[in-house]
């Protein structure tokens, strides 16, 4: 059975772009819920981690 991933915060160390996403299913859309490069500067060395409780709340309010 597929399992939805936890909310994740993506961060670009080059330009400081940051985005927290909360996937609705296990099928992740590139550039929406999953990133292989920074959409702002193109850097490929993005960092990702599980979102904190505060980041989860902030992301849900941006809907």
N, C-alpha and C. Protein backbone atom coordinates (compact mmCIF):
# COMPACT_ATOMS: atom_id res chain seq x y z
N UNK A 1 0.84 -1.18 0.00
CA UNK A 1 0.00 0.00 0.00
C UNK A 1 0.89 1.25 0.00
N UNK A 2 0.66 2.17 -0.91
CA UNK A 2 1.45 3.40 -0.98
C UNK A 2 1.26 4.24 0.29
N UNK A 3 2.33 4.89 0.69
CA UNK A 3 2.29 5.75 1.88
C UNK A 3 2.69 7.16 1.48
N UNK A 4 1.87 8.11 1.84
CA UNK A 4 2.13 9.52 1.53
C UNK A 4 3.33 10.00 2.36
N UNK A 5 4.29 10.70 1.74
CA UNK A 5 5.44 11.20 2.47
C UNK A 5 5.06 12.34 3.42
N UNK A 6 5.87 12.58 4.44
CA UNK A 6 5.56 13.66 5.38
C UNK A 6 5.80 15.03 4.74
N UNK A 7 5.25 16.09 5.31
CA UNK A 7 5.54 17.43 4.81
C UNK A 7 7.05 17.68 4.83
N UNK A 8 7.53 18.32 3.78
CA UNK A 8 8.96 18.53 3.60
C UNK A 8 9.24 19.99 3.33
N UNK A 9 10.35 20.47 3.88
CA UNK A 9 10.81 21.83 3.60
C UNK A 9 12.04 21.73 2.71
N UNK A 10 11.98 22.44 1.58
CA UNK A 10 13.09 22.50 0.62
C UNK A 10 13.77 23.85 0.79
N UNK A 11 15.10 23.87 0.71
CA UNK A 11 15.87 25.09 0.90
C UNK A 11 17.06 25.13 -0.06
N UNK A 12 17.25 26.29 -0.68
CA UNK A 12 18.40 26.49 -1.57
C UNK A 12 19.49 27.25 -0.80
N UNK A 13 20.67 26.67 -0.63
CA UNK A 13 21.73 27.35 0.10
C UNK A 13 22.34 28.52 -0.67
N UNK A 14 22.11 28.58 -1.97
CA UNK A 14 22.70 29.63 -2.80
C UNK A 14 21.88 30.93 -2.74
N UNK A 15 20.58 30.86 -2.98
CA UNK A 15 19.75 32.08 -3.02
C UNK A 15 18.78 32.20 -1.84
N UNK A 16 18.78 31.21 -0.95
CA UNK A 16 17.93 31.19 0.25
C UNK A 16 16.44 30.97 -0.05
N UNK A 17 16.10 30.51 -1.25
CA UNK A 17 14.72 30.14 -1.56
C UNK A 17 14.30 29.03 -0.61
N UNK A 18 13.05 29.04 -0.18
CA UNK A 18 12.56 28.03 0.75
C UNK A 18 11.09 27.76 0.45
N UNK A 19 10.70 26.49 0.51
CA UNK A 19 9.29 26.13 0.30
C UNK A 19 8.98 24.89 1.11
N UNK A 20 7.84 24.90 1.79
CA UNK A 20 7.35 23.75 2.52
C UNK A 20 6.16 23.18 1.76
N UNK A 21 6.21 21.88 1.49
CA UNK A 21 5.13 21.22 0.75
C UNK A 21 4.57 20.07 1.59
N UNK A 22 3.28 19.86 1.44
CA UNK A 22 2.60 18.77 2.12
C UNK A 22 1.89 17.94 1.05
N UNK A 23 2.54 16.88 0.57
CA UNK A 23 1.96 16.08 -0.51
C UNK A 23 0.60 15.49 -0.12
N UNK A 24 -0.30 15.45 -1.08
CA UNK A 24 -1.63 14.90 -0.84
C UNK A 24 -1.67 13.39 -1.10
N UNK A 25 -0.64 12.87 -1.79
CA UNK A 25 -0.56 11.43 -2.05
C UNK A 25 0.90 11.04 -2.22
N UNK A 26 1.14 9.79 -2.57
CA UNK A 26 2.52 9.33 -2.77
C UNK A 26 3.02 9.64 -4.18
N UNK A 27 2.16 10.14 -5.05
CA UNK A 27 2.55 10.52 -6.40
C UNK A 27 2.98 11.99 -6.39
N UNK A 28 4.29 12.22 -6.35
CA UNK A 28 4.81 13.58 -6.23
C UNK A 28 5.02 14.21 -7.60
N UNK A 29 4.63 15.46 -7.73
CA UNK A 29 4.79 16.20 -8.98
C UNK A 29 6.10 16.99 -8.92
N UNK A 30 6.96 16.81 -9.90
CA UNK A 30 8.22 17.55 -9.97
C UNK A 30 7.92 19.04 -10.12
N UNK A 31 8.59 19.87 -9.34
CA UNK A 31 8.40 21.30 -9.40
C UNK A 31 7.23 21.80 -8.59
N UNK A 32 6.48 20.89 -7.99
CA UNK A 32 5.34 21.27 -7.15
C UNK A 32 5.53 20.71 -5.74
N UNK A 33 5.76 19.40 -5.65
CA UNK A 33 5.93 18.74 -4.35
C UNK A 33 7.33 18.12 -4.18
N UNK A 34 8.08 18.10 -5.25
CA UNK A 34 9.42 17.54 -5.26
C UNK A 34 10.28 18.38 -6.18
N UNK A 35 11.52 18.68 -5.77
CA UNK A 35 12.39 19.57 -6.56
C UNK A 35 13.76 18.93 -6.76
N UNK A 36 14.28 18.99 -7.98
CA UNK A 36 15.65 18.52 -8.24
C UNK A 36 16.58 19.71 -8.47
N UNK A 37 16.00 20.92 -8.57
CA UNK A 37 16.79 22.14 -8.67
C UNK A 37 15.95 23.31 -8.15
N UNK A 38 16.61 24.39 -7.80
CA UNK A 38 15.93 25.57 -7.29
C UNK A 38 15.17 26.27 -8.42
N UNK A 39 13.87 26.52 -8.25
CA UNK A 39 13.11 27.19 -9.30
C UNK A 39 13.49 28.67 -9.45
N UNK A 40 14.17 29.21 -8.46
CA UNK A 40 14.54 30.62 -8.51
C UNK A 40 15.90 30.84 -9.17
N UNK A 41 16.93 30.05 -8.81
CA UNK A 41 18.28 30.31 -9.35
C UNK A 41 18.86 29.12 -10.12
N UNK A 42 18.19 27.96 -10.09
CA UNK A 42 18.66 26.80 -10.84
C UNK A 42 19.68 25.93 -10.13
N UNK A 43 20.06 26.27 -8.90
CA UNK A 43 21.03 25.50 -8.13
C UNK A 43 20.53 24.06 -7.95
N UNK A 44 21.41 23.09 -8.15
CA UNK A 44 21.02 21.68 -8.03
C UNK A 44 21.35 21.09 -6.66
N UNK A 45 21.86 21.88 -5.75
CA UNK A 45 22.26 21.37 -4.43
C UNK A 45 21.24 21.76 -3.36
N UNK A 46 19.97 21.45 -3.62
CA UNK A 46 18.91 21.76 -2.66
C UNK A 46 19.03 20.87 -1.42
N UNK A 47 18.59 21.43 -0.31
CA UNK A 47 18.54 20.68 0.94
C UNK A 47 17.07 20.41 1.25
N UNK A 48 16.77 19.26 1.79
CA UNK A 48 15.40 18.96 2.18
C UNK A 48 15.41 18.29 3.55
N UNK A 49 14.33 18.54 4.30
CA UNK A 49 14.18 17.93 5.61
C UNK A 49 12.70 17.88 5.95
N UNK A 50 12.36 17.09 6.93
CA UNK A 50 10.97 17.03 7.36
C UNK A 50 10.58 18.37 7.96
N UNK A 51 9.42 18.88 7.59
CA UNK A 51 8.96 20.19 8.05
C UNK A 51 8.66 20.18 9.54
N UNK A 52 8.95 21.31 10.19
CA UNK A 52 8.61 21.46 11.60
C UNK A 52 7.11 21.72 11.73
N UNK A 53 6.60 21.66 12.93
CA UNK A 53 5.17 21.89 13.17
C UNK A 53 4.77 23.29 12.72
N UNK A 54 5.60 24.28 12.99
CA UNK A 54 5.31 25.66 12.60
C UNK A 54 5.30 25.81 11.08
N UNK A 55 6.23 25.17 10.40
CA UNK A 55 6.27 25.21 8.93
C UNK A 55 5.05 24.53 8.33
N UNK A 56 4.59 23.45 8.95
CA UNK A 56 3.39 22.76 8.47
C UNK A 56 2.16 23.66 8.57
N UNK A 57 2.04 24.35 9.69
CA UNK A 57 0.90 25.26 9.89
C UNK A 57 0.95 26.40 8.88
N UNK A 58 2.14 27.00 8.70
CA UNK A 58 2.28 28.11 7.75
C UNK A 58 1.95 27.65 6.33
N UNK A 59 2.39 26.46 5.95
CA UNK A 59 2.11 25.95 4.60
C UNK A 59 0.61 25.71 4.41
N UNK A 60 -0.06 25.24 5.44
CA UNK A 60 -1.50 24.97 5.30
C UNK A 60 -2.29 26.28 5.20
N UNK A 61 -1.78 27.35 5.79
CA UNK A 61 -2.48 28.64 5.73
C UNK A 61 -2.30 29.31 4.38
N UNK A 62 -1.27 28.95 3.62
CA UNK A 62 -1.02 29.55 2.31
C UNK A 62 -1.91 28.97 1.22
N UNK A 63 -2.70 27.96 1.52
CA UNK A 63 -3.59 27.35 0.52
C UNK A 63 -4.54 28.38 0.05
